[in-house]
Amino acid sequence: MALRTKHKSRKSKCNQENPGGPEDASPFPEVSAAAGLLGGLCIFLSAFFFYLSTVVIRLARDHTLLDPSFFVFSRFLLGFLVICLVMAFRRRGPRPRKYHYLVGRTVTNCLAVYFFYQSVSVTTVAEGNILNMTYPVFLALFSWVLLKHQRDGVAFAMVFVAFAGIWLILAPSRMSLQVENLWGLASGITAAFSIIYLNMSRRYHDSETVLFYMFGLGAILVYVMFYRHIRVPDATEFHYLFLCAFFGVAGQYLLTIGFRYVTAVEGGIISSTRILLAAILGPFLAAEPPLEAGGWLGAFCIFAANVVLATRKVQGEERSRPDSGQSL
């Protein structure tokens, strides 16, 4: 009985320190099989919704002259309105403590999303999504370089596997890279930095505070940088802007819900299915040519590397503290 009381007290303390989001879940969650299945489904749907947001950008290119920055602004603006409604409903405002972490998270996330959307607009939806999902690889690479105590030989080997996959996607039949492909690679790199800032910020802030500043400050930052491309949209433009923003924000919240009920390994692997979704669905939803054999091999290399990295990331009772923004 004493042991049970001590365990319950530990869980309560954890929840008090980290209220309000998927990262706030106790490191010892007790969930049913049905809840675990629901969590996995939410994360899979989040990957699908993130993919759909980029399909909308691709389709809009044939009917509008919208700049990718306008889609980024719409996503952050809608996200800010949603998080404001959530906080009003819960009657709890933001509680910032370390502004430099919040700003760092916002800037890197804005860059990651912009590079991601730009990549989709100038290459293909499949390439953009697959290259964006290289961020776990760059996280492992940065950890190897910057954090000596976290060096892992197997993880470093997976970096080489993933880079082989990147090369197969970017230049399968030529020994030179196209400038347009670098947008997707840049999105993966900046997304890795964004998650590093998130992990630091989450030590001091709850999820809602991180989201409030990321969406609100992000919308202001994007507008200041790209105000020439942002205007009052017509009906057709609003249709595409809203769909893209809706899928992006819905994907973020599904990810947030899903990680309450699954481990980091499970969530990381399921999130990486966006690589396979992009490769499979491109010809059907985005009217794009299917990947060549080299592209498929590259996609599987990156997917396999992500799976191995997710598996080795969690040891013992450690649980996930997922990206509250991913997002992209």
C-alpha atoms as a PDB file:
ATOM      1  CA  MET A   1       0.000   0.000   0.000  1.00  0.00           C
ATOM      2  CA  ALA A   2       2.837   2.394   0.835  1.00  0.00           C
ATOM      3  CA  LEU A   3       4.502   1.673  -2.487  1.00  0.00           C
ATOM      4  CA  ARG A   4       1.276   2.317  -4.368  1.00  0.00           C
ATOM      5  CA  THR A   5       0.783   5.639  -2.561  1.00  0.00           C
ATOM      6  CA  LYS A   6       4.329   6.726  -3.362  1.00  0.00           C
ATOM      7  CA  HIS A   7       3.851   5.855  -7.034  1.00  0.00           C
ATOM      8  CA  LYS A   8       0.590   7.795  -7.174  1.00  0.00           C
ATOM      9  CA  SER A   9       2.232  10.817  -5.556  1.00  0.00           C
ATOM     10  CA  ARG A  10       5.034  10.727  -8.126  1.00  0.00           C
ATOM     11  CA  LYS A  11       2.529  10.744 -10.970  1.00  0.00           C
ATOM     12  CA  SER A  12       0.606  13.621  -9.433  1.00  0.00           C
ATOM     13  CA  LYS A  13       3.763  15.690  -9.040  1.00  0.00           C
ATOM     14  CA  CYS A  14       4.701  15.099 -12.662  1.00  0.00           C
ATOM     15  CA  ASN A  15       1.302  16.253 -13.873  1.00  0.00           C
ATOM     16  CA  GLN A  16       1.491  19.389 -11.764  1.00  0.00           C
ATOM     17  CA  GLU A  17       4.894  20.292 -13.176  1.00  0.00           C
ATOM     18  CA  ASN A  18       3.859  19.732 -16.784  1.00  0.00           C
ATOM     19  CA  PRO A  19       0.172  20.532 -17.292  1.00  0.00           C
ATOM     20  CA  GLY A  20      -1.710  20.899 -20.519  1.00  0.00           C
ATOM     21  CA  GLY A  21      -0.347  18.811 -23.393  1.00  0.00           C
ATOM     22  CA  PRO A  22       0.893  15.506 -24.790  1.00  0.00           C
ATOM     23  CA  GLU A  23       4.319  16.100 -23.340  1.00  0.00           C
ATOM     24  CA  ASP A  24       2.633  16.570 -19.993  1.00  0.00           C
ATOM     25  CA  ALA A  25       1.583  12.963 -19.672  1.00  0.00           C
ATOM     26  CA  SER A  26       3.009  11.033 -16.791  1.00  0.00           C
ATOM     27  CA  PRO A  27       6.128   9.011 -17.580  1.00  0.00           C
ATOM     28  CA  PHE A  28       4.196   6.034 -16.196  1.00  0.00           C
ATOM     29  CA  PRO A  29       0.910   6.223 -18.131  1.00  0.00           C
ATOM     30  CA  GLU A  30      -1.646   3.501 -17.599  1.00  0.00           C
ATOM     31  CA  VAL A  31      -3.711   3.276 -20.752  1.00  0.00           C
ATOM     32  CA  SER A  32      -5.991   0.581 -22.065  1.00  0.00           C
ATOM     33  CA  ALA A  33      -5.426  -1.223 -25.332  1.00  0.00           C
ATOM     34  CA  ALA A  34      -8.313   0.743 -26.833  1.00  0.00           C
ATOM     35  CA  ALA A  35      -6.734   4.042 -25.770  1.00  0.00           C
ATOM     36  CA  GLY A  36      -3.409   2.957 -27.236  1.00  0.00           C
ATOM     37  CA  LEU A  37      -5.132   2.080 -30.497  1.00  0.00           C
ATOM     38  CA  LEU A  38      -6.875   5.462 -30.504  1.00  0.00           C
ATOM     39  CA  GLY A  39      -3.553   7.217 -29.896  1.00  0.00           C
ATOM     40  CA  GLY A  40      -1.916   5.363 -32.752  1.00  0.00           C
ATOM     41  CA  LEU A  41      -4.828   6.199 -35.036  1.00  0.00           C
ATOM     42  CA  CYS A  42      -4.590   9.890 -34.114  1.00  0.00           C
ATOM     43  CA  ILE A  43      -0.893   9.980 -34.950  1.00  0.00           C
ATOM     44  CA  PHE A  44      -1.460   8.192 -38.246  1.00  0.00           C
ATOM     45  CA  LEU A  45      -4.233  10.664 -39.111  1.00  0.00           C
ATOM     46  CA  SER A  46      -1.919  13.532 -38.177  1.00  0.00           C
ATOM     47  CA  ALA A  47       0.654  12.248 -40.683  1.00  0.00           C
ATOM     48  CA  PHE A  48      -2.085  11.960 -43.307  1.00  0.00           C
ATOM     49  CA  PHE A  49      -3.370  15.473 -42.570  1.00  0.00           C
ATOM     50  CA  PHE A  50       0.124  16.958 -42.753  1.00  0.00           C
ATOM     51  CA  TYR A  51       0.445  15.306 -46.145  1.00  0.00           C
ATOM     52  CA  LEU A  52      -2.954  16.606 -47.274  1.00  0.00           C
ATOM     53  CA  SER A  53      -1.950  20.168 -46.385  1.00  0.00           C
ATOM     54  CA  THR A  54       0.874  19.921 -48.922  1.00  0.00           C
ATOM     55  CA  VAL A  55      -1.417  18.363 -51.532  1.00  0.00           C
ATOM     56  CA  VAL A  56      -3.601  21.480 -51.231  1.00  0.00           C
ATOM     57  CA  ILE A  57      -0.578  23.682 -51.959  1.00  0.00           C
ATOM     58  CA  ARG A  58       0.202  21.609 -55.022  1.00  0.00           C
ATOM     59  CA  LEU A  59      -3.377  21.776 -56.316  1.00  0.00           C
ATOM     60  CA  ALA A  60      -3.627  25.503 -55.632  1.00  0.00           C
ATOM     61  CA  ARG A  61      -0.702  26.133 -57.946  1.00  0.00           C
ATOM     62  CA  ASP A  62      -2.899  25.308 -60.938  1.00  0.00           C
ATOM     63  CA  HIS A  63      -5.649  27.758 -59.959  1.00  0.00           C
ATOM     64  CA  THR A  64      -4.034  30.603 -58.017  1.00  0.00           C
ATOM     65  CA  LEU A  65      -0.853  32.638 -57.715  1.00  0.00           C
ATOM     66  CA  LEU A  66      -0.539  32.197 -53.976  1.00  0.00           C
ATOM     67  CA  ASP A  67       2.977  32.334 -52.576  1.00  0.00           C
ATOM     68  CA  PRO A  68       3.991  29.556 -50.123  1.00  0.00           C
ATOM     69  CA  SER A  69       4.475  32.209 -47.444  1.00  0.00           C
ATOM     70  CA  PHE A  70       0.738  32.978 -47.596  1.00  0.00           C
ATOM     71  CA  PHE A  71      -0.020  29.337 -46.739  1.00  0.00           C
ATOM     72  CA  VAL A  72       2.429  29.512 -43.836  1.00  0.00           C
ATOM     73  CA  PHE A  73       0.804  32.702 -42.551  1.00  0.00           C
ATOM     74  CA  SER A  74      -2.673  31.157 -42.806  1.00  0.00           C
ATOM     75  CA  ARG A  75      -1.585  28.079 -40.883  1.00  0.00           C
ATOM     76  CA  PHE A  76      -0.069  30.090 -38.055  1.00  0.00           C
ATOM     77  CA  LEU A  77      -3.013  32.505 -37.927  1.00  0.00           C
ATOM     78  CA  LEU A  78      -5.592  29.710 -37.715  1.00  0.00           C
ATOM     79  CA  GLY A  79      -3.456  27.899 -35.154  1.00  0.00           C
ATOM     80  CA  PHE A  80      -3.296  31.047 -33.038  1.00  0.00           C
ATOM     81  CA  LEU A  81      -7.082  31.451 -33.127  1.00  0.00           C
ATOM     82  CA  VAL A  82      -7.566  27.817 -32.128  1.00  0.00           C
ATOM     83  CA  ILE A  83      -5.103  27.933 -29.222  1.00  0.00           C
ATOM     84  CA  CYS A  84      -6.726  31.157 -27.995  1.00  0.00           C
ATOM     85  CA  LEU A  85     -10.112  29.413 -27.968  1.00  0.00           C
ATOM     86  CA  VAL A  86      -8.646  26.422 -26.139  1.00  0.00           C
ATOM     87  CA  MET A  87      -7.031  28.631 -23.500  1.00  0.00           C
ATOM     88  CA  ALA A  88     -10.211  30.666 -23.079  1.00  0.00           C
ATOM     89  CA  PHE A  89     -12.218  27.469 -22.625  1.00  0.00           C
ATOM     90  CA  ARG A  90      -9.765  26.250 -19.990  1.00  0.00           C
ATOM     91  CA  ARG A  91      -9.553  29.721 -18.448  1.00  0.00           C
ATOM     92  CA  ARG A  92      -5.795  29.610 -18.429  1.00  0.00           C
ATOM     93  CA  GLY A  93      -3.490  32.083 -20.144  1.00  0.00           C
ATOM     94  CA  PRO A  94       0.087  31.687 -21.311  1.00  0.00           C
ATOM     95  CA  ARG A  95       2.786  31.507 -18.658  1.00  0.00           C
ATOM     96  CA  PRO A  96       6.097  32.444 -20.288  1.00  0.00           C
ATOM     97  CA  ARG A  97       9.328  32.142 -18.316  1.00  0.00           C
ATOM     98  CA  LYS A  98      12.221  31.784 -20.754  1.00  0.00           C
ATOM     99  CA  TYR A  99      11.428  34.024 -23.735  1.00  0.00           C
ATOM    100  CA  HIS A 100      14.578  33.175 -25.665  1.00  0.00           C
ATOM    101  CA  TYR A 101      13.504  29.527 -25.896  1.00  0.00           C
ATOM    102  CA  LEU A 102      10.039  30.511 -27.084  1.00  0.00           C
ATOM    103  CA  VAL A 103      11.492  32.876 -29.689  1.00  0.00           C
ATOM    104  CA  GLY A 104      14.020  30.289 -30.833  1.00  0.00           C
ATOM    105  CA  ARG A 105      11.280  27.709 -31.204  1.00  0.00           C
ATOM    106  CA  THR A 106       9.126  30.152 -33.167  1.00  0.00           C
ATOM    107  CA  VAL A 107      11.828  31.304 -35.580  1.00  0.00           C
ATOM    108  CA  THR A 108      13.116  27.826 -36.392  1.00  0.00           C
ATOM    109  CA  ASN A 109       9.596  26.430 -36.784  1.00  0.00           C
ATOM    110  CA  CYS A 110       8.611  29.278 -39.115  1.00  0.00           C
ATOM    111  CA  LEU A 111      11.659  28.587 -41.265  1.00  0.00           C
ATOM    112  CA  ALA A 112      11.019  24.851 -41.273  1.00  0.00           C
ATOM    113  CA  VAL A 113       7.396  25.228 -42.381  1.00  0.00           C
ATOM    114  CA  TYR A 114       8.260  27.840 -45.004  1.00  0.00           C
ATOM    115  CA  PHE A 115      11.073  25.709 -46.465  1.00  0.00           C
ATOM    116  CA  PHE A 116       8.723  22.722 -46.428  1.00  0.00           C
ATOM    117  CA  TYR A 117       5.924  24.497 -48.287  1.00  0.00           C
ATOM    118  CA  GLN A 118       8.385  26.087 -50.699  1.00  0.00           C
ATOM    119  CA  SER A 119       9.817  22.656 -51.442  1.00  0.00           C
ATOM    120  CA  VAL A 120       6.373  21.264 -52.245  1.00  0.00           C
ATOM    121  CA  SER A 121       5.587  24.203 -54.528  1.00  0.00           C
ATOM    122  CA  VAL A 122       8.750  23.889 -56.651  1.00  0.00           C
ATOM    123  CA  THR A 123       9.361  20.102 -56.636  1.00  0.00           C
ATOM    124  CA  THR A 124       6.826  17.378 -55.821  1.00  0.00           C
ATOM    125  CA  VAL A 125       4.648  16.611 -52.834  1.00  0.00           C
ATOM    126  CA  ALA A 126       6.434  13.288 -52.377  1.00  0.00           C
ATOM    127  CA  GLU A 127       9.932  14.769 -52.389  1.00  0.00           C
ATOM    128  CA  GLY A 128       8.934  17.622 -50.093  1.00  0.00           C
ATOM    129  CA  ASN A 129       7.361  15.331 -47.485  1.00  0.00           C
ATOM    130  CA  ILE A 130      10.088  12.699 -47.588  1.00  0.00           C
ATOM    131  CA  LEU A 131      12.873  15.251 -47.214  1.00  0.00           C
ATOM    132  CA  ASN A 132      11.014  17.063 -44.438  1.00  0.00           C
ATOM    133  CA  MET A 133      10.870  13.765 -42.542  1.00  0.00           C
ATOM    134  CA  THR A 134      14.678  13.638 -42.403  1.00  0.00           C
ATOM    135  CA  TYR A 135      14.635  15.773 -39.246  1.00  0.00           C
ATOM    136  CA  PRO A 136      15.135  12.762 -36.884  1.00  0.00           C
ATOM    137  CA  VAL A 137      18.304  11.984 -38.832  1.00  0.00           C
ATOM    138  CA  PHE A 138      19.639  15.500 -38.426  1.00  0.00           C
ATOM    139  CA  LEU A 139      18.714  15.385 -34.733  1.00  0.00           C
ATOM    140  CA  ALA A 140      20.876  12.279 -34.371  1.00  0.00           C
ATOM    141  CA  LEU A 141      23.694  13.973 -36.285  1.00  0.00           C
ATOM    142  CA  PHE A 142      23.556  17.144 -34.183  1.00  0.00           C
ATOM    143  CA  SER A 143      23.449  15.064 -30.980  1.00  0.00           C
ATOM    144  CA  TRP A 144      26.563  13.180 -32.094  1.00  0.00           C
ATOM    145  CA  VAL A 145      28.429  16.420 -32.722  1.00  0.00           C
ATOM    146  CA  LEU A 146      27.193  18.499 -29.777  1.00  0.00           C
ATOM    147  CA  LEU A 147      26.329  16.003 -27.032  1.00  0.00           C
ATOM    148  CA  LYS A 148      29.188  13.599 -26.375  1.00  0.00           C
ATOM    149  CA  HIS A 149      27.287  11.700 -23.675  1.00  0.00           C
ATOM    150  CA  GLN A 150      24.528  10.854 -26.160  1.00  0.00           C
ATOM    151  CA  ARG A 151      26.760   9.439 -28.880  1.00  0.00           C
ATOM    152  CA  ASP A 152      25.444   6.193 -30.312  1.00  0.00           C
ATOM    153  CA  GLY A 153      27.323   4.231 -32.954  1.00  0.00           C
ATOM    154  CA  VAL A 154      24.209   2.560 -34.367  1.00  0.00           C
ATOM    155  CA  ALA A 155      22.373   5.879 -34.588  1.00  0.00           C
ATOM    156  CA  PHE A 156      25.335   7.415 -36.388  1.00  0.00           C
ATOM    157  CA  ALA A 157      25.305   4.495 -38.851  1.00  0.00           C
ATOM    158  CA  MET A 158      21.640   5.218 -39.508  1.00  0.00           C
ATOM    159  CA  VAL A 159      22.631   8.752 -40.463  1.00  0.00           C
ATOM    160  CA  PHE A 160      24.661   7.325 -43.316  1.00  0.00           C
ATOM    161  CA  VAL A 161      21.762   5.076 -44.356  1.00  0.00           C
ATOM    162  CA  ALA A 162      19.425   8.074 -44.386  1.00  0.00           C
ATOM    163  CA  PHE A 163      21.849  10.227 -46.360  1.00  0.00           C
ATOM    164  CA  ALA A 164      22.095   7.456 -48.919  1.00  0.00           C
ATOM    165  CA  GLY A 165      18.308   7.609 -49.140  1.00  0.00           C
ATOM    166  CA  ILE A 166      18.399  11.382 -49.517  1.00  0.00           C
ATOM    167  CA  TRP A 167      20.829  11.077 -52.402  1.00  0.00           C
ATOM    168  CA  LEU A 168      18.686   8.458 -54.123  1.00  0.00           C
ATOM    169  CA  ILE A 169      15.713  10.830 -53.963  1.00  0.00           C
ATOM    170  CA  LEU A 170      17.518  13.996 -54.989  1.00  0.00           C
ATOM    171  CA  ALA A 171      19.814  12.670 -57.695  1.00  0.00           C
ATOM    172  CA  PRO A 172      19.014   9.067 -58.619  1.00  0.00           C
ATOM    173  CA  SER A 173      20.139   9.339 -62.239  1.00  0.00           C
ATOM    174  CA  ARG A 174      22.465  12.335 -62.184  1.00  0.00           C
ATOM    175  CA  MET A 175      25.502  13.287 -60.172  1.00  0.00           C
ATOM    176  CA  SER A 176      24.357  16.824 -59.415  1.00  0.00           C
ATOM    177  CA  LEU A 177      21.691  18.354 -57.217  1.00  0.00           C
ATOM    178  CA  GLN A 178      18.983  20.718 -58.369  1.00  0.00           C
ATOM    179  CA  VAL A 179      18.656  23.932 -56.357  1.00  0.00           C
ATOM    180  CA  GLU A 180      14.927  23.334 -55.904  1.00  0.00           C
ATOM    181  CA  ASN A 181      15.612  20.127 -53.967  1.00  0.00           C
ATOM    182  CA  LEU A 182      17.577  22.004 -51.327  1.00  0.00           C
ATOM    183  CA  TRP A 183      14.360  23.546 -49.966  1.00  0.00           C
ATOM    184  CA  GLY A 184      13.207  20.156 -48.694  1.00  0.00           C
ATOM    185  CA  LEU A 185      16.582  19.393 -47.182  1.00  0.00           C
ATOM    186  CA  ALA A 186      16.590  22.788 -45.466  1.00  0.00           C
ATOM    187  CA  SER A 187      13.170  22.032 -43.969  1.00  0.00           C
ATOM    188  CA  GLY A 188      14.517  18.860 -42.376  1.00  0.00           C
ATOM    189  CA  ILE A 189      17.546  20.660 -40.941  1.00  0.00           C
ATOM    190  CA  THR A 190      15.604  23.598 -39.508  1.00  0.00           C
ATOM    191  CA  ALA A 191      12.903  21.247 -38.162  1.00  0.00           C
ATOM    192  CA  ALA A 192      15.636  19.444 -36.214  1.00  0.00           C
ATOM    193  CA  PHE A 193      16.753  22.737 -34.661  1.00  0.00           C
ATOM    194  CA  SER A 194      13.104  23.554 -33.947  1.00  0.00           C
ATOM    195  CA  ILE A 195      12.689  20.347 -31.963  1.00  0.00           C
ATOM    196  CA  ILE A 196      15.876  21.042 -30.020  1.00  0.00           C
ATOM    197  CA  TYR A 197      14.415  24.418 -29.024  1.00  0.00           C
ATOM    198  CA  LEU A 198      11.134  22.718 -28.163  1.00  0.00           C
ATOM    199  CA  ASN A 199      12.836  20.261 -25.835  1.00  0.00           C
ATOM    200  CA  MET A 200      14.569  23.125 -24.033  1.00  0.00           C
ATOM    201  CA  SER A 201      11.424  25.240 -23.904  1.00  0.00           C
ATOM    202  CA  ARG A 202       9.290  22.396 -22.535  1.00  0.00           C
ATOM    203  CA  ARG A 203      11.442  22.319 -19.393  1.00  0.00           C
ATOM    204  CA  TYR A 204       9.911  25.652 -18.403  1.00  0.00           C
ATOM    205  CA  HIS A 205       6.582  25.958 -20.275  1.00  0.00           C
ATOM    206  CA  ASP A 206       3.408  23.954 -20.716  1.00  0.00           C
ATOM    207  CA  SER A 207       2.242  22.968 -24.188  1.00  0.00           C
ATOM    208  CA  GLU A 208      -0.318  25.738 -24.490  1.00  0.00           C
ATOM    209  CA  THR A 209       2.238  28.460 -23.769  1.00  0.00           C
ATOM    210  CA  VAL A 210       4.593  27.030 -26.393  1.00  0.00           C
ATOM    211  CA  LEU A 211       1.787  26.838 -28.954  1.00  0.00           C
ATOM    212  CA  PHE A 212       0.472  30.303 -28.108  1.00  0.00           C
ATOM    213  CA  TYR A 213       3.802  31.973 -28.812  1.00  0.00           C
ATOM    214  CA  MET A 214       4.709  29.733 -31.710  1.00  0.00           C
ATOM    215  CA  PHE A 215       1.476  30.427 -33.575  1.00  0.00           C
ATOM    216  CA  GLY A 216       0.997  34.061 -32.501  1.00  0.00           C
ATOM    217  CA  LEU A 217       4.560  35.290 -32.796  1.00  0.00           C
ATOM    218  CA  GLY A 218       5.014  33.087 -35.847  1.00  0.00           C
ATOM    219  CA  ALA A 219       2.102  34.723 -37.673  1.00  0.00           C
ATOM    220  CA  ILE A 220       3.557  38.180 -36.955  1.00  0.00           C
ATOM    221  CA  LEU A 221       7.028  37.127 -38.065  1.00  0.00           C
ATOM    222  CA  VAL A 222       5.801  35.603 -41.322  1.00  0.00           C
ATOM    223  CA  TYR A 223       3.712  38.686 -42.099  1.00  0.00           C
ATOM    224  CA  VAL A 224       6.627  41.045 -41.462  1.00  0.00           C
ATOM    225  CA  MET A 225       8.916  38.992 -43.699  1.00  0.00           C
ATOM    226  CA  PHE A 226       6.455  38.353 -46.532  1.00  0.00           C
ATOM    227  CA  TYR A 227       3.834  41.104 -46.266  1.00  0.00           C
ATOM    228  CA  ARG A 228       4.077  41.779 -50.006  1.00  0.00           C
ATOM    229  CA  HIS A 229       2.664  38.323 -50.705  1.00  0.00           C
ATOM    230  CA  ILE A 230      -0.107  38.490 -48.086  1.00  0.00           C
ATOM    231  CA  ARG A 231      -3.359  40.204 -48.952  1.00  0.00           C
ATOM    232  CA  VAL A 232      -7.111  39.795 -48.647  1.00  0.00           C
ATOM    233  CA  PRO A 233      -7.791  36.589 -50.644  1.00  0.00           C
ATOM    234  CA  ASP A 234     -10.639  36.060 -53.073  1.00  0.00           C
ATOM    235  CA  ALA A 235     -13.046  33.138 -52.684  1.00  0.00           C
ATOM    236  CA  THR A 236     -10.871  30.642 -54.561  1.00  0.00           C
ATOM    237  CA  GLU A 237      -7.720  31.656 -52.732  1.00  0.00           C
ATOM    238  CA  PHE A 238      -9.469  31.538 -49.361  1.00  0.00           C
ATOM    239  CA  HIS A 239     -10.682  28.018 -50.138  1.00  0.00           C
ATOM    240  CA  TYR A 240      -7.143  26.711 -50.635  1.00  0.00           C
ATOM    241  CA  LEU A 241      -5.643  28.756 -47.814  1.00  0.00           C
ATOM    242  CA  PHE A 242      -8.227  27.537 -45.327  1.00  0.00           C
ATOM    243  CA  LEU A 243      -7.934  23.893 -46.371  1.00  0.00           C
ATOM    244  CA  CYS A 244      -4.155  23.957 -46.056  1.00  0.00           C
ATOM    245  CA  ALA A 245      -4.296  25.684 -42.672  1.00  0.00           C
ATOM    246  CA  PHE A 246      -7.050  23.382 -41.418  1.00  0.00           C
ATOM    247  CA  PHE A 247      -5.180  20.203 -42.307  1.00  0.00           C
ATOM    248  CA  GLY A 248      -1.948  21.569 -40.836  1.00  0.00           C
ATOM    249  CA  VAL A 249      -3.497  22.647 -37.521  1.00  0.00           C
ATOM    250  CA  ALA A 250      -5.686  19.535 -37.275  1.00  0.00           C
ATOM    251  CA  GLY A 251      -2.614  17.393 -37.864  1.00  0.00           C
ATOM    252  CA  GLN A 252      -0.815  19.194 -35.053  1.00  0.00           C
ATOM    253  CA  TYR A 253      -3.625  18.642 -32.557  1.00  0.00           C
ATOM    254  CA  LEU A 254      -4.095  15.009 -33.568  1.00  0.00           C
ATOM    255  CA  LEU A 255      -0.385  14.536 -32.955  1.00  0.00           C
ATOM    256  CA  THR A 256      -0.777  16.208 -29.569  1.00  0.00           C
ATOM    257  CA  ILE A 257      -3.653  13.919 -28.598  1.00  0.00           C
ATOM    258  CA  GLY A 258      -2.056  10.771 -29.944  1.00  0.00           C
ATOM    259  CA  PHE A 259       1.172  11.091 -27.998  1.00  0.00           C
ATOM    260  CA  ARG A 260      -0.793  11.004 -24.748  1.00  0.00           C
ATOM    261  CA  TYR A 261      -1.413   7.290 -25.261  1.00  0.00           C
ATOM    262  CA  VAL A 262       1.592   5.867 -27.109  1.00  0.00           C
ATOM    263  CA  THR A 263       5.297   5.588 -26.445  1.00  0.00           C
ATOM    264  CA  ALA A 264       7.932   7.559 -28.286  1.00  0.00           C
ATOM    265  CA  VAL A 265       8.893   4.459 -30.274  1.00  0.00           C
ATOM    266  CA  GLU A 266       5.330   3.844 -31.405  1.00  0.00           C
ATOM    267  CA  GLY A 267       4.672   7.514 -32.150  1.00  0.00           C
ATOM    268  CA  GLY A 268       7.952   8.007 -33.995  1.00  0.00           C
ATOM    269  CA  ILE A 269       7.389   5.002 -36.221  1.00  0.00           C
ATOM    270  CA  ILE A 270       3.768   5.904 -36.982  1.00  0.00           C
ATOM    271  CA  SER A 271       4.707   9.526 -37.723  1.00  0.00           C
ATOM    272  CA  SER A 272       7.315   8.310 -40.192  1.00  0.00           C
ATOM    273  CA  THR A 273       4.595   6.624 -42.251  1.00  0.00           C
ATOM    274  CA  ARG A 274       4.171  10.043 -43.877  1.00  0.00           C
ATOM    275  CA  ILE A 275       7.206   9.043 -45.955  1.00  0.00           C
ATOM    276  CA  LEU A 276       5.357   6.036 -47.346  1.00  0.00           C
ATOM    277  CA  LEU A 277       2.073   7.927 -47.688  1.00  0.00           C
ATOM    278  CA  ALA A 278       3.809  10.551 -49.813  1.00  0.00           C
ATOM    279  CA  ALA A 279       5.436   7.912 -51.994  1.00  0.00           C
ATOM    280  CA  ILE A 280       2.233   5.903 -52.488  1.00  0.00           C
ATOM    281  CA  LEU A 281      -0.439   8.603 -52.759  1.00  0.00           C
ATOM    282  CA  GLY A 282       1.388  11.128 -54.957  1.00  0.00           C
ATOM    283  CA  PRO A 283       0.026   9.820 -58.292  1.00  0.00           C
ATOM    284  CA  PHE A 284      -3.521   9.582 -56.914  1.00  0.00           C
ATOM    285  CA  LEU A 285      -3.999  12.757 -54.858  1.00  0.00           C
ATOM    286  CA  ALA A 286      -1.412  15.158 -56.294  1.00  0.00           C
ATOM    287  CA  ALA A 287      -1.444  13.962 -59.914  1.00  0.00           C
ATOM    288  CA  GLU A 288       2.316  13.453 -59.805  1.00  0.00           C
ATOM    289  CA  PRO A 289       4.389  10.800 -61.553  1.00  0.00           C
ATOM    290  CA  PRO A 290       5.208   7.821 -59.325  1.00  0.00           C
ATOM    291  CA  LEU A 291       8.619   7.556 -57.747  1.00  0.00           C
ATOM    292  CA  GLU A 292      11.263   5.703 -59.691  1.00  0.00           C
ATOM    293  CA  ALA A 293      12.956   2.642 -58.231  1.00  0.00           C
ATOM    294  CA  GLY A 294      15.754   4.792 -56.810  1.00  0.00           C
ATOM    295  CA  GLY A 295      13.220   7.107 -55.184  1.00  0.00           C
ATOM    296  CA  TRP A 296      11.404   4.184 -53.554  1.00  0.00           C
ATOM    297  CA  LEU A 297      14.684   2.788 -52.268  1.00  0.00           C
ATOM    298  CA  GLY A 298      15.593   6.217 -50.881  1.00  0.00           C
ATOM    299  CA  ALA A 299      12.219   6.547 -49.155  1.00  0.00           C
ATOM    300  CA  PHE A 300      12.612   3.146 -47.497  1.00  0.00           C
ATOM    301  CA  CYS A 301      16.163   4.017 -46.391  1.00  0.00           C
ATOM    302  CA  ILE A 302      14.930   7.178 -44.650  1.00  0.00           C
ATOM    303  CA  PHE A 303      11.925   5.375 -43.176  1.00  0.00           C
ATOM    304  CA  ALA A 304      14.107   2.547 -41.849  1.00  0.00           C
ATOM    305  CA  ALA A 305      16.586   5.011 -40.363  1.00  0.00           C
ATOM    306  CA  ASN A 306      13.748   6.874 -38.611  1.00  0.00           C
ATOM    307  CA  VAL A 307      12.399   3.616 -37.183  1.00  0.00           C
ATOM    308  CA  VAL A 308      15.783   2.596 -35.802  1.00  0.00           C
ATOM    309  CA  LEU A 309      16.411   6.077 -34.382  1.00  0.00           C
ATOM    310  CA  ALA A 310      12.985   6.134 -32.705  1.00  0.00           C
ATOM    311  CA  THR A 311      13.584   2.692 -31.223  1.00  0.00           C
ATOM    312  CA  ARG A 312      16.969   3.595 -29.771  1.00  0.00           C
ATOM    313  CA  LYS A 313      15.835   6.982 -28.504  1.00  0.00           C
ATOM    314  CA  VAL A 314      13.750   5.569 -25.686  1.00  0.00           C
ATOM    315  CA  GLN A 315      15.303   3.444 -22.968  1.00  0.00           C
ATOM    316  CA  GLY A 316      13.716   2.095 -19.833  1.00  0.00           C
ATOM    317  CA  GLU A 317      10.734   4.162 -18.725  1.00  0.00           C
ATOM    318  CA  GLU A 318      11.467   7.289 -20.771  1.00  0.00           C
ATOM    319  CA  ARG A 319       8.421   8.610 -22.606  1.00  0.00           C
ATOM    320  CA  SER A 320       7.937  10.950 -25.517  1.00  0.00           C
ATOM    321  CA  ARG A 321       7.919  14.703 -25.429  1.00  0.00           C
ATOM    322  CA  PRO A 322       6.725  15.272 -29.020  1.00  0.00           C
ATOM    323  CA  ASP A 323       6.910  18.315 -31.180  1.00  0.00           C
ATOM    324  CA  SER A 324       4.007  20.623 -30.345  1.00  0.00           C
ATOM    325  CA  GLY A 325       4.381  22.586 -33.568  1.00  0.00           C
ATOM    326  CA  GLN A 326       5.730  19.968 -37.093  1.00  0.00           C
ATOM    327  CA  SER A 327       5.366  20.329 -36.956  1.00  0.00           C
ATOM    328  CA  LEU A 328       5.179  21.064 -38.702  1.00  0.00           C
END
